[in-house]
Amino acid sequence: MSVDQDGEEFGEVIFSEDIFPGGGIVDANSVLSVNAAAAHEAMHHHRWVDRSEIDEPDLEEIDEALTSLEAFQRYPRQLEDHDARMLVADAIQRLNMYVRRWRAAQEG
């Protein structure tokens, strides 16, 4: 979300070098192709417009997982099967990250 000179909020998706696959498994982009990452980022905009995003830092992984799953549903014709599987895998990875973080908080 950004704010214009009149104080109005607007959403924008900027594609730059971070849309390319990351360097390691901890990097969320490491499991996404460029097409899957583009669908994921475009879905962030739609979720912002629809006010369905989860804007809570403790639930960031949940929001990211939902974004990937909704991108998979929104763009079935634009994505190859492999891209769709990558988005589902990304959602699973992010949910696992959330569960690990939640369990660590409960234990410590």
N, C-alpha and C. Protein backbone atom coordinates (compact mmCIF):
# COMPACT_ATOMS: atom_id res chain seq x y z
N MET A 1 0.84 -1.16 0.00
CA MET A 1 0.00 0.00 0.00
C MET A 1 0.89 1.24 0.00
N SER A 2 0.49 2.22 -0.79
CA SER A 2 1.19 3.50 -0.85
C SER A 2 0.15 4.60 -0.68
N VAL A 3 0.63 5.81 -0.51
CA VAL A 3 -0.25 6.95 -0.34
C VAL A 3 0.15 8.02 -1.35
N ASP A 4 -0.84 8.59 -2.06
CA ASP A 4 -0.53 9.62 -3.05
C ASP A 4 -0.43 10.99 -2.37
N GLN A 5 -0.21 12.04 -3.16
CA GLN A 5 -0.01 13.39 -2.62
C GLN A 5 -1.25 13.94 -1.92
N ASP A 6 -2.43 13.36 -2.20
CA ASP A 6 -3.66 13.80 -1.53
C ASP A 6 -3.99 12.95 -0.31
N GLY A 7 -3.10 12.04 0.04
CA GLY A 7 -3.34 11.18 1.19
C GLY A 7 -4.20 9.96 0.91
N GLU A 8 -4.51 9.72 -0.36
CA GLU A 8 -5.32 8.56 -0.74
C GLU A 8 -4.44 7.31 -0.84
N GLU A 9 -4.92 6.23 -0.28
CA GLU A 9 -4.20 4.97 -0.37
C GLU A 9 -4.38 4.36 -1.76
N PHE A 10 -3.33 3.72 -2.26
CA PHE A 10 -3.43 2.95 -3.49
C PHE A 10 -2.48 1.77 -3.41
N GLY A 11 -2.86 0.71 -4.08
CA GLY A 11 -2.01 -0.47 -4.13
C GLY A 11 -1.22 -0.49 -5.41
N GLU A 12 -0.01 -0.98 -5.32
CA GLU A 12 0.80 -1.12 -6.52
C GLU A 12 1.68 -2.36 -6.38
N VAL A 13 1.87 -3.01 -7.48
CA VAL A 13 2.76 -4.16 -7.53
C VAL A 13 3.92 -3.76 -8.43
N ILE A 14 5.12 -3.83 -7.89
CA ILE A 14 6.32 -3.47 -8.65
C ILE A 14 7.12 -4.74 -8.87
N PHE A 15 7.33 -5.08 -10.12
CA PHE A 15 8.13 -6.25 -10.45
C PHE A 15 9.57 -5.80 -10.66
N SER A 16 10.47 -6.40 -9.90
CA SER A 16 11.89 -6.09 -10.04
C SER A 16 12.67 -7.39 -9.86
N GLU A 17 13.96 -7.29 -9.56
CA GLU A 17 14.80 -8.48 -9.50
C GLU A 17 14.36 -9.47 -8.43
N ASP A 18 13.58 -9.05 -7.43
CA ASP A 18 13.19 -9.99 -6.39
C ASP A 18 12.09 -10.96 -6.83
N ILE A 19 11.61 -10.83 -8.06
CA ILE A 19 10.63 -11.78 -8.57
C ILE A 19 11.30 -13.06 -9.07
N PHE A 20 12.62 -13.00 -9.27
CA PHE A 20 13.33 -14.18 -9.73
C PHE A 20 13.55 -15.14 -8.57
N PRO A 21 13.68 -16.44 -8.87
CA PRO A 21 13.85 -17.42 -7.79
C PRO A 21 15.00 -17.08 -6.88
N GLY A 22 14.79 -17.33 -5.60
CA GLY A 22 15.79 -17.03 -4.58
C GLY A 22 16.89 -18.07 -4.53
N GLY A 23 17.80 -17.83 -3.62
CA GLY A 23 18.99 -18.66 -3.55
C GLY A 23 18.94 -19.83 -2.60
N GLY A 24 17.93 -19.93 -1.77
CA GLY A 24 17.92 -21.02 -0.80
C GLY A 24 16.53 -21.37 -0.34
N ILE A 25 16.42 -22.48 0.35
CA ILE A 25 15.11 -22.97 0.73
C ILE A 25 14.41 -22.06 1.74
N VAL A 26 15.17 -21.29 2.51
CA VAL A 26 14.56 -20.38 3.48
C VAL A 26 13.92 -19.19 2.77
N ASP A 27 14.42 -18.87 1.60
CA ASP A 27 13.88 -17.77 0.81
C ASP A 27 12.58 -18.24 0.16
N ALA A 28 11.48 -17.53 0.47
CA ALA A 28 10.17 -17.94 -0.05
C ALA A 28 10.14 -17.99 -1.57
N ASN A 29 10.89 -17.12 -2.23
CA ASN A 29 10.90 -17.10 -3.69
C ASN A 29 11.63 -18.30 -4.28
N SER A 30 12.32 -19.06 -3.46
CA SER A 30 13.13 -20.16 -3.99
C SER A 30 12.29 -21.26 -4.63
N VAL A 31 11.01 -21.37 -4.27
CA VAL A 31 10.17 -22.44 -4.83
C VAL A 31 9.29 -21.96 -5.97
N LEU A 32 9.32 -20.68 -6.30
CA LEU A 32 8.41 -20.15 -7.31
C LEU A 32 9.12 -19.81 -8.62
N SER A 33 8.49 -20.19 -9.73
CA SER A 33 8.95 -19.74 -11.03
C SER A 33 8.59 -18.26 -11.17
N VAL A 34 9.08 -17.62 -12.21
CA VAL A 34 8.75 -16.21 -12.44
C VAL A 34 7.24 -16.05 -12.64
N ASN A 35 6.61 -16.95 -13.40
CA ASN A 35 5.16 -16.85 -13.62
C ASN A 35 4.39 -17.04 -12.33
N ALA A 36 4.78 -18.00 -11.51
CA ALA A 36 4.09 -18.23 -10.24
C ALA A 36 4.30 -17.04 -9.31
N ALA A 37 5.51 -16.49 -9.28
CA ALA A 37 5.78 -15.32 -8.43
C ALA A 37 4.97 -14.12 -8.90
N ALA A 38 4.84 -13.94 -10.20
CA ALA A 38 4.04 -12.83 -10.73
C ALA A 38 2.58 -12.98 -10.33
N ALA A 39 2.04 -14.20 -10.43
CA ALA A 39 0.66 -14.45 -10.02
C ALA A 39 0.48 -14.18 -8.54
N HIS A 40 1.45 -14.62 -7.73
CA HIS A 40 1.41 -14.39 -6.28
C HIS A 40 1.39 -12.89 -5.98
N GLU A 41 2.29 -12.15 -6.61
CA GLU A 41 2.37 -10.70 -6.34
C GLU A 41 1.12 -9.97 -6.84
N ALA A 42 0.60 -10.36 -8.00
CA ALA A 42 -0.64 -9.74 -8.49
C ALA A 42 -1.79 -10.04 -7.54
N MET A 43 -1.79 -11.22 -6.95
CA MET A 43 -2.84 -11.58 -6.00
C MET A 43 -2.77 -10.73 -4.75
N HIS A 44 -1.56 -10.33 -4.34
CA HIS A 44 -1.43 -9.40 -3.20
C HIS A 44 -2.26 -8.14 -3.47
N HIS A 45 -2.17 -7.65 -4.70
CA HIS A 45 -2.94 -6.45 -5.04
C HIS A 45 -4.44 -6.71 -4.93
N HIS A 46 -4.90 -7.82 -5.48
CA HIS A 46 -6.33 -8.14 -5.41
C HIS A 46 -6.79 -8.29 -3.97
N ARG A 47 -5.98 -8.94 -3.14
CA ARG A 47 -6.35 -9.10 -1.73
C ARG A 47 -6.39 -7.75 -1.02
N TRP A 48 -5.51 -6.84 -1.40
CA TRP A 48 -5.53 -5.50 -0.81
C TRP A 48 -6.80 -4.76 -1.22
N VAL A 49 -7.13 -4.81 -2.52
CA VAL A 49 -8.33 -4.15 -3.03
C VAL A 49 -9.58 -4.72 -2.35
N ASP A 50 -9.64 -6.04 -2.22
CA ASP A 50 -10.80 -6.71 -1.62
C ASP A 50 -10.82 -6.61 -0.10
N ARG A 51 -9.76 -6.07 0.47
CA ARG A 51 -9.62 -5.96 1.93
C ARG A 51 -9.64 -7.34 2.60
N SER A 52 -9.11 -8.34 1.89
CA SER A 52 -9.06 -9.69 2.45
C SER A 52 -7.66 -10.06 2.93
N GLU A 53 -6.71 -9.13 2.77
CA GLU A 53 -5.36 -9.40 3.26
C GLU A 53 -5.37 -9.44 4.78
N ILE A 54 -4.42 -10.15 5.34
CA ILE A 54 -4.27 -10.19 6.79
C ILE A 54 -3.09 -9.29 7.12
N ASP A 55 -3.38 -8.16 7.68
CA ASP A 55 -2.34 -7.16 7.97
C ASP A 55 -1.94 -7.23 9.45
N GLU A 56 -1.43 -8.39 9.83
CA GLU A 56 -1.01 -8.65 11.20
C GLU A 56 0.35 -9.33 11.15
N PRO A 57 1.40 -8.69 11.65
CA PRO A 57 2.75 -9.26 11.53
C PRO A 57 2.88 -10.71 12.02
N ASP A 58 2.17 -11.07 13.07
CA ASP A 58 2.25 -12.44 13.59
C ASP A 58 1.62 -13.46 12.66
N LEU A 59 0.81 -13.00 11.70
CA LEU A 59 0.13 -13.91 10.78
C LEU A 59 0.62 -13.74 9.34
N GLU A 60 1.81 -13.20 9.16
CA GLU A 60 2.33 -12.94 7.82
C GLU A 60 2.41 -14.21 6.97
N GLU A 61 2.88 -15.32 7.58
CA GLU A 61 2.98 -16.56 6.82
C GLU A 61 1.61 -17.06 6.37
N ILE A 62 0.59 -16.87 7.21
CA ILE A 62 -0.77 -17.27 6.85
C ILE A 62 -1.25 -16.44 5.66
N ASP A 63 -1.02 -15.13 5.72
CA ASP A 63 -1.42 -14.26 4.61
C ASP A 63 -0.71 -14.64 3.32
N GLU A 64 0.57 -14.92 3.41
CA GLU A 64 1.33 -15.31 2.22
C GLU A 64 0.83 -16.64 1.66
N ALA A 65 0.51 -17.59 2.55
CA ALA A 65 -0.02 -18.88 2.10
C ALA A 65 -1.35 -18.70 1.39
N LEU A 66 -2.23 -17.91 1.98
CA LEU A 66 -3.53 -17.66 1.34
C LEU A 66 -3.35 -16.95 0.00
N THR A 67 -2.39 -16.06 -0.08
CA THR A 67 -2.13 -15.35 -1.34
C THR A 67 -1.72 -16.33 -2.43
N SER A 68 -0.84 -17.27 -2.12
CA SER A 68 -0.43 -18.27 -3.11
C SER A 68 -1.60 -19.15 -3.52
N LEU A 69 -2.40 -19.59 -2.55
CA LEU A 69 -3.55 -20.45 -2.88
C LEU A 69 -4.58 -19.70 -3.72
N GLU A 70 -4.82 -18.45 -3.39
CA GLU A 70 -5.79 -17.67 -4.18
C GLU A 70 -5.25 -17.37 -5.58
N ALA A 71 -3.94 -17.18 -5.71
CA ALA A 71 -3.35 -16.99 -7.05
C ALA A 71 -3.54 -18.25 -7.88
N PHE A 72 -3.36 -19.40 -7.27
CA PHE A 72 -3.59 -20.69 -7.94
C PHE A 72 -5.02 -20.78 -8.45
N GLN A 73 -5.97 -20.31 -7.66
CA GLN A 73 -7.38 -20.36 -8.06
C GLN A 73 -7.73 -19.28 -9.08
N ARG A 74 -7.15 -18.10 -8.97
CA ARG A 74 -7.52 -16.98 -9.82
C ARG A 74 -6.97 -17.09 -11.23
N TYR A 75 -5.79 -17.69 -11.37
CA TYR A 75 -5.11 -17.70 -12.67
C TYR A 75 -4.90 -19.11 -13.23
N PRO A 76 -5.90 -19.98 -13.22
CA PRO A 76 -5.66 -21.36 -13.68
C PRO A 76 -5.28 -21.46 -15.15
N ARG A 77 -5.79 -20.58 -15.99
CA ARG A 77 -5.50 -20.66 -17.42
C ARG A 77 -4.15 -20.03 -17.77
N GLN A 78 -3.69 -19.12 -16.92
CA GLN A 78 -2.43 -18.43 -17.19
C GLN A 78 -1.22 -19.21 -16.67
N LEU A 79 -1.46 -20.18 -15.80
CA LEU A 79 -0.36 -20.90 -15.18
C LEU A 79 -0.22 -22.31 -15.75
N GLU A 80 0.99 -22.72 -15.97
CA GLU A 80 1.27 -24.11 -16.33
C GLU A 80 1.03 -24.96 -15.08
N ASP A 81 0.84 -26.25 -15.28
CA ASP A 81 0.62 -27.15 -14.14
C ASP A 81 1.74 -27.04 -13.11
N HIS A 82 2.97 -26.95 -13.61
CA HIS A 82 4.12 -26.84 -12.70
C HIS A 82 4.04 -25.57 -11.86
N ASP A 83 3.64 -24.45 -12.46
CA ASP A 83 3.50 -23.19 -11.73
C ASP A 83 2.44 -23.31 -10.65
N ALA A 84 1.32 -23.96 -10.98
CA ALA A 84 0.24 -24.15 -10.01
C ALA A 84 0.73 -24.99 -8.83
N ARG A 85 1.47 -26.06 -9.13
CA ARG A 85 2.02 -26.90 -8.05
C ARG A 85 3.00 -26.11 -7.19
N MET A 86 3.75 -25.23 -7.81
CA MET A 86 4.69 -24.40 -7.05
C MET A 86 3.96 -23.48 -6.07
N LEU A 87 2.84 -22.92 -6.50
CA LEU A 87 2.07 -22.05 -5.61
C LEU A 87 1.51 -22.83 -4.42
N VAL A 88 1.04 -24.03 -4.67
CA VAL A 88 0.54 -24.87 -3.57
C VAL A 88 1.70 -25.24 -2.64
N ALA A 89 2.85 -25.59 -3.21
CA ALA A 89 4.02 -25.92 -2.39
C ALA A 89 4.46 -24.71 -1.56
N ASP A 90 4.40 -23.53 -2.16
CA ASP A 90 4.74 -22.31 -1.43
C ASP A 90 3.80 -22.12 -0.24
N ALA A 91 2.51 -22.34 -0.45
CA ALA A 91 1.53 -22.20 0.64
C ALA A 91 1.84 -23.18 1.76
N ILE A 92 2.14 -24.41 1.41
CA ILE A 92 2.47 -25.43 2.42
C ILE A 92 3.72 -25.04 3.18
N GLN A 93 4.74 -24.57 2.46
CA GLN A 93 5.99 -24.15 3.11
C GLN A 93 5.72 -23.02 4.10
N ARG A 94 4.93 -22.05 3.70
CA ARG A 94 4.65 -20.90 4.59
C ARG A 94 3.82 -21.32 5.79
N LEU A 95 2.88 -22.24 5.61
CA LEU A 95 2.11 -22.73 6.75
C LEU A 95 3.00 -23.51 7.71
N ASN A 96 3.92 -24.30 7.17
CA ASN A 96 4.88 -25.00 8.03
C ASN A 96 5.75 -24.02 8.80
N MET A 97 6.17 -22.94 8.15
CA MET A 97 6.95 -21.92 8.84
C MET A 97 6.16 -21.32 9.99
N TYR A 98 4.88 -21.04 9.75
CA TYR A 98 4.02 -20.48 10.80
C TYR A 98 3.90 -21.46 11.98
N VAL A 99 3.66 -22.74 11.68
CA VAL A 99 3.50 -23.73 12.75
C VAL A 99 4.79 -23.87 13.55
N ARG A 100 5.94 -23.90 12.89
CA ARG A 100 7.22 -23.99 13.62
C ARG A 100 7.41 -22.78 14.52
N ARG A 101 7.10 -21.59 14.01
CA ARG A 101 7.26 -20.38 14.82
C ARG A 101 6.28 -20.39 15.99
N TRP A 102 5.04 -20.81 15.74
CA TRP A 102 4.03 -20.87 16.78
C TRP A 102 4.42 -21.85 17.87
N ARG A 103 4.90 -23.04 17.47
CA ARG A 103 5.33 -24.04 18.46
C ARG A 103 6.51 -23.54 19.28
N ALA A 104 7.45 -22.89 18.64
CA ALA A 104 8.61 -22.35 19.37
C ALA A 104 8.15 -21.31 20.39
N ALA A 105 7.19 -20.49 20.03
CA ALA A 105 6.67 -19.48 20.97
C ALA A 105 5.96 -20.14 22.15
N GLN A 106 5.27 -21.23 21.90
CA GLN A 106 4.55 -21.94 22.96
C GLN A 106 5.52 -22.61 23.93
N GLU A 107 6.63 -23.08 23.40
CA GLU A 107 7.61 -23.80 24.23
C GLU A 107 8.52 -22.86 24.99
N GLY A 108 8.70 -21.67 24.47
CA GLY A 108 9.72 -20.85 25.10
C GLY A 108 9.27 -19.55 25.54
